[in-house]
Protein backbone atom coordinates (compact mmCIF):
# COMPACT_ATOMS: atom_id res chain seq x y z
CA MET A 1 103.12 80.46 100.73
CA LYS A 2 99.75 80.87 102.13
CA GLY A 3 97.73 84.23 100.37
CA GLY A 4 97.38 85.06 97.27
CA ALA A 5 94.43 87.71 95.92
CA VAL A 6 92.70 89.36 98.33
CA VAL A 7 92.14 92.57 96.25
CA GLU A 8 93.44 91.66 92.52
CA ASP A 9 95.45 88.88 90.62
CA GLY A 10 97.85 91.48 88.33
CA PHE A 11 98.87 93.16 92.21
CA CYS A 12 100.13 89.72 93.36
CA PHE A 13 103.57 89.02 91.53
CA GLU A 14 105.97 85.68 91.04
CA GLU A 15 108.91 87.22 92.20
CA GLU A 16 109.68 89.59 95.26
CA THR A 17 108.94 93.17 94.11
CA HIS A 18 109.80 96.63 96.10
CA LEU A 19 107.74 99.05 95.11
CA THR A 20 108.61 102.81 96.56
CA VAL A 21 106.11 104.81 98.48
CA LEU A 22 106.20 108.06 98.51
CA LYS A 23 103.33 110.54 100.98
CA THR A 24 102.31 113.77 99.42
CA SER A 25 101.84 115.48 102.43
CA LEU A 26 102.59 118.91 100.65
CA PHE A 27 100.13 120.96 103.92
CA PHE A 28 98.37 118.21 106.33
CA PRO A 29 99.67 115.05 107.69
CA GLY A 30 98.15 112.37 105.19
CA ASP A 31 97.31 113.54 102.09
CA GLY A 32 97.45 110.97 99.98
CA PHE A 33 100.29 108.60 98.55
CA SER A 34 101.94 107.18 95.26
CA VAL A 35 103.18 104.11 94.83
CA TYR A 36 106.09 102.73 92.11
CA ASP A 37 107.21 100.19 90.74
CA GLY A 38 110.80 99.15 89.81
CA LYS A 39 110.41 100.51 86.71
CA GLY A 40 109.38 103.78 88.43
CA GLU A 41 105.08 103.84 86.64
CA VAL A 42 102.77 104.64 89.38
CA LEU A 43 101.00 101.83 90.71
CA PHE A 44 98.56 103.20 92.97
CA ARG A 45 98.10 105.94 94.29
CA VAL A 46 95.20 107.34 96.76
CA ASP A 47 94.12 110.90 96.86
CA SER A 48 94.14 113.86 99.44
CA TYR A 49 92.06 112.75 103.13
CA GLY A 50 92.38 116.13 104.46
CA PRO A 51 91.33 117.53 107.48
CA ASP A 52 87.59 116.82 106.86
CA ASP A 53 86.26 114.53 109.79
CA ARG A 54 84.96 112.86 106.73
CA LEU A 55 87.67 111.97 104.86
CA GLN A 56 89.51 111.14 107.58
CA ASP A 57 87.98 108.02 108.34
CA GLU A 58 87.63 106.71 104.71
CA ILE A 59 90.56 106.07 102.77
CA VAL A 60 90.03 105.20 98.37
CA LEU A 61 93.07 102.67 97.01
CA MET A 62 92.61 103.62 93.84
CA ASN A 63 94.99 102.40 90.42
CA ALA A 64 97.25 104.92 88.06
CA SER A 65 94.09 105.39 86.17
CA GLY A 66 91.60 105.93 88.18
CA LYS A 67 89.42 103.03 89.88
CA CYS A 68 89.22 101.57 93.24
CA LEU A 69 90.86 98.89 94.62
CA LEU A 70 89.58 99.34 97.32
CA THR A 71 88.54 101.39 100.79
CA VAL A 72 89.26 101.26 104.45
CA ARG A 73 87.20 102.68 106.98
CA ARG A 74 87.78 103.72 110.98
CA LYS A 75 84.42 102.18 112.38
CA ARG A 76 83.45 103.18 115.55
CA PRO A 77 83.54 103.65 118.57
CA SER A 78 86.62 101.47 118.90
CA LEU A 79 89.56 101.32 121.20
CA HIS A 80 91.40 99.02 119.79
CA HIS A 81 91.43 101.50 116.64
CA ARG A 82 89.64 98.86 114.28
CA TRP A 83 89.77 99.88 111.09
CA GLU A 84 87.85 98.15 107.84
CA GLY A 85 89.11 97.31 104.18
CA PHE A 86 86.21 96.68 101.20
CA LEU A 87 86.96 95.74 97.73
CA GLY A 88 86.95 98.34 95.29
CA GLU A 89 84.60 101.40 96.23
CA ARG A 90 82.14 101.07 99.64
CA CYS A 91 78.47 101.75 99.85
CA ASP A 92 76.23 100.76 102.56
CA GLY A 93 75.75 97.65 102.96
CA MET A 94 78.76 96.22 101.97
CA LYS A 95 80.26 92.96 103.46
CA SER A 96 83.56 94.53 104.56
CA ILE A 97 86.57 91.26 103.90
CA PHE A 98 89.30 92.10 105.99
CA SER A 99 89.80 94.46 109.23
CA VAL A 100 92.81 95.14 111.44
CA ARG A 101 93.04 96.16 114.84
CA ARG A 102 95.72 97.17 117.81
CA SER A 103 96.19 94.02 119.80
CA SER A 104 96.60 95.83 123.50
CA ILE A 105 95.97 99.44 124.05
CA ILE A 106 98.06 100.47 126.75
CA GLY A 107 102.15 99.75 125.99
CA ARG A 108 104.19 97.56 123.28
CA SER A 109 101.25 95.78 120.80
CA SER A 110 101.08 95.09 117.24
CA VAL A 111 98.56 95.36 114.76
CA THR A 112 96.38 92.44 114.42
CA VAL A 113 94.96 91.74 110.47
CA GLU A 114 92.20 89.14 109.87
CA LEU A 115 91.31 88.11 106.56
CA TYR A 116 87.47 87.31 106.16
CA GLY A 117 87.23 85.92 102.89
CA ASN A 118 89.39 82.66 103.99
CA PRO A 119 88.12 81.63 107.49
CA GLY A 120 91.14 81.03 110.44
CA GLU A 121 93.76 83.70 107.99
CA GLU A 122 95.76 86.20 110.13
CA TYR A 123 98.25 88.37 109.76
CA GLN A 124 100.61 90.54 112.61
CA ILE A 125 102.21 93.58 111.83
CA GLU A 126 105.30 94.10 114.08
CA GLY A 127 107.93 97.05 114.34
CA SER A 128 107.76 100.97 113.94
CA PHE A 129 105.53 102.57 111.16
CA SER A 130 106.83 106.38 112.35
CA GLN A 131 110.41 104.83 111.32
CA ARG A 132 109.79 103.19 108.59
CA CYS A 133 110.48 100.02 109.79
CA CYS A 134 107.83 97.39 110.47
CA ARG A 135 107.45 93.44 108.89
CA PHE A 136 104.57 91.85 107.64
CA TYR A 137 103.59 87.98 108.87
CA ASN A 138 101.55 85.49 108.28
CA THR A 139 100.46 84.13 111.56
CA THR A 140 97.63 81.42 109.95
CA SER A 141 100.13 78.40 110.43
CA THR A 142 98.63 75.90 113.03
CA ASN A 143 102.73 75.24 115.14
CA ASP A 144 103.08 79.36 115.71
CA MET A 145 105.12 79.38 112.64
CA LYS A 146 105.38 83.18 111.88
CA GLU A 147 105.62 84.08 107.73
CA PRO A 148 107.51 87.18 106.72
CA VAL A 149 105.11 88.27 103.86
CA ALA A 150 106.03 92.36 103.73
CA GLU A 151 108.22 94.47 104.90
CA ILE A 152 108.43 98.44 105.54
CA ARG A 153 111.94 100.45 105.30
CA ARG A 154 113.86 103.76 104.48
CA LYS A 155 114.15 103.89 101.08
CA VAL A 156 118.30 104.32 100.43
CA ASP A 157 119.55 106.81 97.15
CA SER A 158 121.42 104.60 94.77
CA SER A 159 123.56 106.74 93.41
CA THR A 160 124.51 108.55 97.10
CA HIS A 161 124.07 106.03 99.43
CA VAL A 162 122.13 108.86 101.47
CA LEU A 163 119.14 107.86 103.29
CA LEU A 164 115.84 109.49 102.58
CA GLY A 165 113.22 111.38 104.01
CA LYS A 166 110.87 109.17 106.00
CA ASP A 167 108.50 110.73 102.79
CA VAL A 168 109.97 107.81 101.00
CA PHE A 169 110.06 104.52 101.51
CA SER A 170 109.96 100.80 100.09
CA LEU A 171 107.40 97.89 100.21
CA SER A 172 108.80 94.76 99.70
CA LEU A 173 106.48 91.84 98.72
CA LYS A 174 106.64 88.40 99.00
CA PRO A 175 106.02 85.98 96.29
CA GLY A 176 102.37 85.75 96.27
CA PHE A 177 101.65 88.36 98.29
CA ASP A 178 98.71 91.06 97.37
CA GLY A 179 100.35 94.13 96.72
CA ALA A 180 97.42 95.94 96.87
CA PHE A 181 96.21 94.55 100.29
CA ALA A 182 99.38 95.38 101.62
CA MET A 183 99.32 98.86 100.61
CA GLY A 184 95.32 99.53 102.08
CA LEU A 185 97.19 98.09 105.45
CA VAL A 186 99.54 101.24 104.88
CA LEU A 187 96.83 103.34 104.88
CA VAL A 188 96.25 101.91 107.82
CA LEU A 189 99.70 102.03 110.39
CA ASP A 190 99.24 105.54 109.12
CA LYS A 191 96.49 106.79 109.94
CA ILE A 192 96.75 104.42 113.43
CA ASN A 193 100.14 106.48 113.60
CA GLY A 194 98.83 109.98 113.16
CA GLU A 195 95.85 109.05 115.89
CA TYR A 196 98.38 108.76 118.70
CA ALA A 197 100.24 111.82 117.64
CA GLU A 198 97.00 113.91 117.70
CA ASP A 199 96.32 112.23 120.95
CA GLY A 200 100.16 113.86 122.78
CA ASP A 201 100.27 110.31 122.48
CA VAL A 202 104.65 109.21 120.77
CA THR A 203 104.94 105.50 121.37
CA ASP A 204 104.32 103.79 118.00
CA PRO A 205 101.45 101.43 118.24
CA THR A 206 103.21 98.51 115.85
CA LYS A 207 106.64 98.85 117.74
CA ALA A 208 108.08 96.19 118.34
CA ASP A 209 111.20 94.23 118.32
CA VAL A 210 112.15 93.07 114.60
CA PRO A 211 115.17 91.60 113.50
CA SER A 212 117.98 93.15 111.35
């Protein structure tokens, strides 16, 4: 498959990998995230990005030890809820490595991701992030084929078989797809979804039919 490291080689796994994402929103929407691997060890974390306007527009993804891996930042002004990703901790003058935007400003729409490091490489996210049911596709192929590279699903407790709440969900990665890059996109989806709720628009910006 196309892809490979966007953020770091160490997060590109040789086998299909299932991560558990916990949204740690105790007081404000989007307080942060903790991401666990299959052994229950922390792989990524995001500290609070609560009510402060500056923090709402810029979010840092860290590894378990607190090293900054990726910064996502909202680009203003933008009608399409455009976000940009920066490698490591963003500073003035730094060039972004990818951009994320809504494919439409009205009605049913998906989210398009353009990767700058690999010219022409694009991804599309379809489904309902608010319902924790969406897929990431590599759409770079010239024959209009969409290659699935990651998927978000509601998580089921393995012992009780009970569907868990939406603050806990699964992020599945196809072999070779950068998990840190995928988690950066999750942060953007969460912010876009939250912005819709704040605007009084209950339509999920990524909502589209996703086959089961």
